[in-house]
């Protein structure tokens, strides 16, 4: 049982479709996949038990880019 979003300091989701329930609970969208969608597809293709992968899916490297500021 999840005691609340305050406990999820390092948890994040890669969503393949809109997640209205997460929006309603006040979770923040802070990123999007801009390259490497084929890796996301491989993660999504893993066999699952309910919503849990049968084998752990581990991300060894993640790169974050700050968006370029638009000139106005």
PDB file of N, CA and C in Angstrom:
ATOM      1  N   UNK A   1       0.841  -1.179   0.000  1.00  0.00           N
ATOM      2  CA  UNK A   1       0.000   0.000   0.000  1.00  0.00           C
ATOM      3  C   UNK A   1       0.882   1.236   0.000  1.00  0.00           C
ATOM      4  N   UNK A   2       0.547   2.184  -0.826  1.00  0.00           N
ATOM      5  CA  UNK A   2       1.296   3.425  -0.922  1.00  0.00           C
ATOM      6  C   UNK A   2       0.715   4.424   0.077  1.00  0.00           C
ATOM      7  N   UNK A   3       1.518   4.875   1.055  1.00  0.00           N
ATOM      8  CA  UNK A   3       0.994   5.806   2.054  1.00  0.00           C
ATOM      9  C   UNK A   3       0.702   7.204   1.520  1.00  0.00           C
ATOM     10  N   UNK A   4       1.105   7.494   0.320  1.00  0.00           N
ATOM     11  CA  UNK A   4       0.813   8.803  -0.248  1.00  0.00           C
ATOM     12  C   UNK A   4       1.954   9.291  -1.107  1.00  0.00           C
ATOM     13  N   UNK A   5       1.666  10.272  -1.921  1.00  0.00           N
ATOM     14  CA  UNK A   5       2.688  10.744  -2.853  1.00  0.00           C
ATOM     15  C   UNK A   5       3.891  11.361  -2.142  1.00  0.00           C
ATOM     16  N   UNK A   6       3.731  11.766  -0.883  1.00  0.00           N
ATOM     17  CA  UNK A   6       4.868  12.319  -0.135  1.00  0.00           C
ATOM     18  C   UNK A   6       5.974  11.284   0.046  1.00  0.00           C
ATOM     19  N   UNK A   7       5.644  10.000  -0.072  1.00  0.00           N
ATOM     20  CA  UNK A   7       6.629   8.928   0.109  1.00  0.00           C
ATOM     21  C   UNK A   7       7.365   8.594  -1.179  1.00  0.00           C
ATOM     22  N   UNK A   8       7.026   9.232  -2.278  1.00  0.00           N
ATOM     23  CA  UNK A   8       7.548   8.838  -3.585  1.00  0.00           C
ATOM     24  C   UNK A   8       8.676   9.746  -4.069  1.00  0.00           C
ATOM     25  N   UNK A   9       9.596  10.105  -3.213  1.00  0.00           N
ATOM     26  CA  UNK A   9      10.650  11.039  -3.571  1.00  0.00           C
ATOM     27  C   UNK A   9      11.470  10.645  -4.775  1.00  0.00           C
ATOM     28  N   UNK A  10      11.692   9.366  -4.997  1.00  0.00           N
ATOM     29  CA  UNK A  10      12.520   8.956  -6.123  1.00  0.00           C
ATOM     30  C   UNK A  10      11.760   8.074  -7.102  1.00  0.00           C
ATOM     31  N   UNK A  11      10.470   8.020  -6.997  1.00  0.00           N
ATOM     32  CA  UNK A  11       9.663   7.193  -7.880  1.00  0.00           C
ATOM     33  C   UNK A  11       9.153   8.033  -9.035  1.00  0.00           C
ATOM     34  N   UNK A  12       9.168   7.445 -10.239  1.00  0.00           N
ATOM     35  CA  UNK A  12       8.574   8.129 -11.377  1.00  0.00           C
ATOM     36  C   UNK A  12       7.987   7.096 -12.315  1.00  0.00           C
ATOM     37  N   UNK A  13       7.150   7.550 -13.195  1.00  0.00           N
ATOM     38  CA  UNK A  13       6.484   6.676 -14.147  1.00  0.00           C
ATOM     39  C   UNK A  13       6.834   7.108 -15.562  1.00  0.00           C
ATOM     40  N   UNK A  14       6.987   6.131 -16.441  1.00  0.00           N
ATOM     41  CA  UNK A  14       7.040   6.386 -17.873  1.00  0.00           C
ATOM     42  C   UNK A  14       5.701   5.880 -18.391  1.00  0.00           C
ATOM     43  N   UNK A  15       4.838   6.788 -18.775  1.00  0.00           N
ATOM     44  CA  UNK A  15       3.472   6.421 -19.153  1.00  0.00           C
ATOM     45  C   UNK A  15       3.356   6.327 -20.669  1.00  0.00           C
ATOM     46  N   UNK A  16       2.698   5.278 -21.122  1.00  0.00           N
ATOM     47  CA  UNK A  16       2.511   5.060 -22.554  1.00  0.00           C
ATOM     48  C   UNK A  16       1.177   5.629 -23.050  1.00  0.00           C
ATOM     49  N   UNK A  17       0.340   6.039 -22.113  1.00  0.00           N
ATOM     50  CA  UNK A  17      -0.947   6.647 -22.457  1.00  0.00           C
ATOM     51  C   UNK A  17      -1.329   7.589 -21.322  1.00  0.00           C
ATOM     52  N   UNK A  18      -2.285   8.462 -21.547  1.00  0.00           N
ATOM     53  CA  UNK A  18      -2.685   9.394 -20.488  1.00  0.00           C
ATOM     54  C   UNK A  18      -3.073   8.668 -19.200  1.00  0.00           C
ATOM     55  N   UNK A  19      -2.682   9.235 -18.070  1.00  0.00           N
ATOM     56  CA  UNK A  19      -2.978   8.665 -16.750  1.00  0.00           C
ATOM     57  C   UNK A  19      -3.763   9.687 -15.942  1.00  0.00           C
ATOM     58  N   UNK A  20      -5.051   9.763 -16.195  1.00  0.00           N
ATOM     59  CA  UNK A  20      -5.894  10.769 -15.547  1.00  0.00           C
ATOM     60  C   UNK A  20      -5.903  10.603 -14.037  1.00  0.00           C
ATOM     61  N   UNK A  21      -5.781   9.368 -13.542  1.00  0.00           N
ATOM     62  CA  UNK A  21      -5.786   9.171 -12.088  1.00  0.00           C
ATOM     63  C   UNK A  21      -4.571   9.829 -11.440  1.00  0.00           C
ATOM     64  N   UNK A  22      -3.420   9.797 -12.107  1.00  0.00           N
ATOM     65  CA  UNK A  22      -2.226  10.464 -11.567  1.00  0.00           C
ATOM     66  C   UNK A  22      -2.423  11.980 -11.586  1.00  0.00           C
ATOM     67  N   UNK A  23      -3.042  12.487 -12.641  1.00  0.00           N
ATOM     68  CA  UNK A  23      -3.338  13.923 -12.716  1.00  0.00           C
ATOM     69  C   UNK A  23      -4.253  14.333 -11.567  1.00  0.00           C
ATOM     70  N   UNK A  24      -5.300  13.541 -11.321  1.00  0.00           N
ATOM     71  CA  UNK A  24      -6.266  13.864 -10.272  1.00  0.00           C
ATOM     72  C   UNK A  24      -5.629  13.847  -8.892  1.00  0.00           C
ATOM     73  N   UNK A  25      -4.601  12.991  -8.709  1.00  0.00           N
ATOM     74  CA  UNK A  25      -3.944  12.905  -7.404  1.00  0.00           C
ATOM     75  C   UNK A  25      -2.869  13.975  -7.233  1.00  0.00           C
ATOM     76  N   UNK A  26      -2.641  14.794  -8.262  1.00  0.00           N
ATOM     77  CA  UNK A  26      -1.722  15.913  -8.132  1.00  0.00           C
ATOM     78  C   UNK A  26      -0.271  15.608  -8.442  1.00  0.00           C
ATOM     79  N   UNK A  27       0.013  14.486  -9.127  1.00  0.00           N
ATOM     80  CA  UNK A  27       1.394  14.203  -9.508  1.00  0.00           C
ATOM     81  C   UNK A  27       1.839  15.186 -10.586  1.00  0.00           C
ATOM     82  N   UNK A  28       3.116  15.479 -10.622  1.00  0.00           N
ATOM     83  CA  UNK A  28       3.664  16.454 -11.554  1.00  0.00           C
ATOM     84  C   UNK A  28       4.301  15.755 -12.740  1.00  0.00           C
ATOM     85  N   UNK A  29       4.009  16.236 -13.940  1.00  0.00           N
ATOM     86  CA  UNK A  29       4.703  15.771 -15.136  1.00  0.00           C
ATOM     87  C   UNK A  29       5.956  16.622 -15.256  1.00  0.00           C
ATOM     88  N   UNK A  30       7.120  15.987 -15.212  1.00  0.00           N
ATOM     89  CA  UNK A  30       8.348  16.775 -15.210  1.00  0.00           C
ATOM     90  C   UNK A  30       9.280  16.457 -16.365  1.00  0.00           C
ATOM     91  N   UNK A  31       8.905  15.551 -17.237  1.00  0.00           N
ATOM     92  CA  UNK A  31       9.803  15.213 -18.339  1.00  0.00           C
ATOM     93  C   UNK A  31       9.025  14.487 -19.426  1.00  0.00           C
ATOM     94  N   UNK A  32       9.673  14.326 -20.573  1.00  0.00           N
ATOM     95  CA  UNK A  32       9.124  13.501 -21.641  1.00  0.00           C
ATOM     96  C   UNK A  32      10.282  12.823 -22.354  1.00  0.00           C
ATOM     97  N   UNK A  33      10.003  11.698 -22.963  1.00  0.00           N
ATOM     98  CA  UNK A  33      11.020  10.970 -23.716  1.00  0.00           C
ATOM     99  C   UNK A  33      11.219  11.704 -25.031  1.00  0.00           C
ATOM    100  N   UNK A  34      12.444  12.137 -25.304  1.00  0.00           N
ATOM    101  CA  UNK A  34      12.723  12.837 -26.561  1.00  0.00           C
ATOM    102  C   UNK A  34      13.593  12.005 -27.496  1.00  0.00           C
ATOM    103  N   UNK A  35      14.193  10.947 -26.963  1.00  0.00           N
ATOM    104  CA  UNK A  35      15.034  10.068 -27.767  1.00  0.00           C
ATOM    105  C   UNK A  35      15.069   8.715 -27.070  1.00  0.00           C
ATOM    106  N   UNK A  36      15.107   7.652 -27.826  1.00  0.00           N
ATOM    107  CA  UNK A  36      15.193   6.331 -27.229  1.00  0.00           C
ATOM    108  C   UNK A  36      13.851   5.678 -26.962  1.00  0.00           C
ATOM    109  N   UNK A  37      12.828   6.061 -27.718  1.00  0.00           N
ATOM    110  CA  UNK A  37      11.513   5.473 -27.495  1.00  0.00           C
ATOM    111  C   UNK A  37      11.543   3.966 -27.707  1.00  0.00           C
ATOM    112  N   UNK A  38      12.485   3.476 -28.490  1.00  0.00           N
ATOM    113  CA  UNK A  38      12.595   2.026 -28.694  1.00  0.00           C
ATOM    114  C   UNK A  38      12.912   1.311 -27.373  1.00  0.00           C
ATOM    115  N   UNK A  39      13.621   1.984 -26.475  1.00  0.00           N
ATOM    116  CA  UNK A  39      13.904   1.413 -25.155  1.00  0.00           C
ATOM    117  C   UNK A  39      12.628   1.361 -24.321  1.00  0.00           C
ATOM    118  N   UNK A  40      11.826   2.413 -24.396  1.00  0.00           N
ATOM    119  CA  UNK A  40      10.542   2.432 -23.693  1.00  0.00           C
ATOM    120  C   UNK A  40       9.660   1.292 -24.209  1.00  0.00           C
ATOM    121  N   UNK A  41       9.662   1.080 -25.519  1.00  0.00           N
ATOM    122  CA  UNK A  41       8.874  -0.013 -26.099  1.00  0.00           C
ATOM    123  C   UNK A  41       9.343  -1.372 -25.580  1.00  0.00           C
ATOM    124  N   UNK A  42      10.663  -1.548 -25.409  1.00  0.00           N
ATOM    125  CA  UNK A  42      11.187  -2.805 -24.854  1.00  0.00           C
ATOM    126  C   UNK A  42      10.745  -2.996 -23.405  1.00  0.00           C
ATOM    127  N   UNK A  43      10.755  -1.916 -22.634  1.00  0.00           N
ATOM    128  CA  UNK A  43      10.281  -1.992 -21.246  1.00  0.00           C
ATOM    129  C   UNK A  43       8.805  -2.386 -21.234  1.00  0.00           C
ATOM    130  N   UNK A  44       8.015  -1.757 -22.093  1.00  0.00           N
ATOM    131  CA  UNK A  44       6.577  -2.024 -22.140  1.00  0.00           C
ATOM    132  C   UNK A  44       6.264  -3.449 -22.576  1.00  0.00           C
ATOM    133  N   UNK A  45       7.169  -4.077 -23.327  1.00  0.00           N
ATOM    134  CA  UNK A  45       6.940  -5.431 -23.842  1.00  0.00           C
ATOM    135  C   UNK A  45       7.309  -6.524 -22.834  1.00  0.00           C
ATOM    136  N   UNK A  46       7.862  -6.152 -21.679  1.00  0.00           N
ATOM    137  CA  UNK A  46       8.261  -7.148 -20.677  1.00  0.00           C
ATOM    138  C   UNK A  46       7.027  -7.864 -20.119  1.00  0.00           C
ATOM    139  N   UNK A  47       7.157  -9.181 -19.881  1.00  0.00           N
ATOM    140  CA  UNK A  47       6.038  -9.913 -19.263  1.00  0.00           C
ATOM    141  C   UNK A  47       5.753  -9.373 -17.861  1.00  0.00           C
ATOM    142  N   UNK A  48       4.483  -9.296 -17.515  1.00  0.00           N
ATOM    143  CA  UNK A  48       4.088  -8.737 -16.219  1.00  0.00           C
ATOM    144  C   UNK A  48       3.147  -9.676 -15.466  1.00  0.00           C
ATOM    145  N   UNK A  49       3.078  -9.448 -14.175  1.00  0.00           N
ATOM    146  CA  UNK A  49       2.088 -10.091 -13.305  1.00  0.00           C
ATOM    147  C   UNK A  49       1.242  -8.956 -12.758  1.00  0.00           C
ATOM    148  N   UNK A  50       0.070  -8.747 -13.323  1.00  0.00           N
ATOM    149  CA  UNK A  50      -0.730  -7.570 -12.973  1.00  0.00           C
ATOM    150  C   UNK A  50      -0.087  -6.348 -13.589  1.00  0.00           C
ATOM    151  N   UNK A  51       0.496  -5.489 -12.758  1.00  0.00           N
ATOM    152  CA  UNK A  51       1.214  -4.305 -13.247  1.00  0.00           C
ATOM    153  C   UNK A  51       2.700  -4.383 -12.946  1.00  0.00           C
ATOM    154  N   UNK A  52       3.155  -5.514 -12.437  1.00  0.00           N
ATOM    155  CA  UNK A  52       4.549  -5.639 -11.996  1.00  0.00           C
ATOM    156  C   UNK A  52       5.322  -6.534 -12.970  1.00  0.00           C
ATOM    157  N   UNK A  53       6.481  -6.067 -13.483  1.00  0.00           N
ATOM    158  CA  UNK A  53       7.289  -6.920 -14.362  1.00  0.00           C
ATOM    159  C   UNK A  53       7.740  -8.191 -13.632  1.00  0.00           C
ATOM    160  N   UNK A  54       7.782  -9.298 -14.370  1.00  0.00           N
ATOM    161  CA  UNK A  54       8.241 -10.557 -13.784  1.00  0.00           C
ATOM    162  C   UNK A  54       9.719 -10.479 -13.396  1.00  0.00           C
ATOM    163  N   UNK A  55      10.502  -9.732 -14.182  1.00  0.00           N
ATOM    164  CA  UNK A  55      11.908  -9.473 -13.855  1.00  0.00           C
ATOM    165  C   UNK A  55      12.059  -7.973 -13.634  1.00  0.00           C
ATOM    166  N   UNK A  56      12.890  -7.575 -12.656  1.00  0.00           N
ATOM    167  CA  UNK A  56      13.085  -6.130 -12.439  1.00  0.00           C
ATOM    168  C   UNK A  56      13.622  -5.437 -13.697  1.00  0.00           C
ATOM    169  N   UNK A  57      13.113  -4.268 -13.970  1.00  0.00           N
ATOM    170  CA  UNK A  57      13.606  -3.434 -15.068  1.00  0.00           C
ATOM    171  C   UNK A  57      14.462  -2.352 -14.428  1.00  0.00           C
ATOM    172  N   UNK A  58      15.741  -2.327 -14.791  1.00  0.00           N
ATOM    173  CA  UNK A  58      16.693  -1.402 -14.173  1.00  0.00           C
ATOM    174  C   UNK A  58      17.196  -0.416 -15.222  1.00  0.00           C
ATOM    175  N   UNK A  59      17.123   0.847 -14.876  1.00  0.00           N
ATOM    176  CA  UNK A  59      17.683   1.885 -15.738  1.00  0.00           C
ATOM    177  C   UNK A  59      19.061   2.225 -15.187  1.00  0.00           C
ATOM    178  N   UNK A  60      20.104   1.945 -15.973  1.00  0.00           N
ATOM    179  CA  UNK A  60      21.470   2.186 -15.510  1.00  0.00           C
ATOM    180  C   UNK A  60      21.939   3.605 -15.809  1.00  0.00           C
ATOM    181  N   UNK A  61      21.382   4.222 -16.842  1.00  0.00           N
ATOM    182  CA  UNK A  61      21.743   5.600 -17.184  1.00  0.00           C
ATOM    183  C   UNK A  61      20.494   6.336 -17.640  1.00  0.00           C
ATOM    184  N   UNK A  62      20.381   7.544 -17.191  1.00  0.00           N
ATOM    185  CA  UNK A  62      19.314   8.433 -17.623  1.00  0.00           C
ATOM    186  C   UNK A  62      19.932   9.804 -17.812  1.00  0.00           C
ATOM    187  N   UNK A  63      19.638  10.428 -18.916  1.00  0.00           N
ATOM    188  CA  UNK A  63      20.146  11.768 -19.173  1.00  0.00           C
ATOM    189  C   UNK A  63      18.986  12.751 -19.124  1.00  0.00           C
ATOM    190  N   UNK A  64      19.203  13.832 -18.432  1.00  0.00           N
ATOM    191  CA  UNK A  64      18.195  14.884 -18.351  1.00  0.00           C
ATOM    192  C   UNK A  64      18.728  16.123 -19.044  1.00  0.00           C
ATOM    193  N   UNK A  65      17.893  16.742 -19.830  1.00  0.00           N
ATOM    194  CA  UNK A  65      18.249  17.987 -20.499  1.00  0.00           C
ATOM    195  C   UNK A  65      17.301  19.070 -20.047  1.00  0.00           C
ATOM    196  N   UNK A  66      17.845  20.222 -19.762  1.00  0.00           N
ATOM    197  CA  UNK A  66      16.990  21.360 -19.449  1.00  0.00           C
ATOM    198  C   UNK A  66      16.517  21.948 -20.770  1.00  0.00           C
ATOM    199  N   UNK A  67      15.237  22.274 -20.868  1.00  0.00           N
ATOM    200  CA  UNK A  67      14.738  22.850 -22.119  1.00  0.00           C
ATOM    201  C   UNK A  67      15.438  24.160 -22.439  1.00  0.00           C
ATOM    202  N   UNK A  68      15.651  24.391 -23.725  1.00  0.00           N
ATOM    203  CA  UNK A  68      16.252  25.652 -24.161  1.00  0.00           C
ATOM    204  C   UNK A  68      15.253  26.771 -23.939  1.00  0.00           C
ATOM    205  N   UNK A  69      15.733  27.875 -23.457  1.00  0.00           N
ATOM    206  CA  UNK A  69      14.887  29.039 -23.236  1.00  0.00           C
ATOM    207  C   UNK A  69      14.556  29.674 -24.570  1.00  0.00           C
ATOM    208  N   UNK A  70      13.283  29.962 -24.794  1.00  0.00           N
ATOM    209  CA  UNK A  70      12.904  30.630 -26.037  1.00  0.00           C
ATOM    210  C   UNK A  70      13.170  32.116 -25.910  1.00  0.00           C
ATOM    211  N   UNK A  71      13.616  32.713 -27.009  1.00  0.00           N
ATOM    212  CA  UNK A  71      13.887  34.158 -27.036  1.00  0.00           C
ATOM    213  C   UNK A  71      12.599  34.870 -27.402  1.00  0.00           C
ATOM    214  N   UNK A  72      12.251  35.888 -26.624  1.00  0.00           N
ATOM    215  CA  UNK A  72      11.015  36.619 -26.913  1.00  0.00           C
ATOM    216  C   UNK A  72      11.277  38.040 -27.228  1.00  0.00           C
TER     217      UNK A  72
END
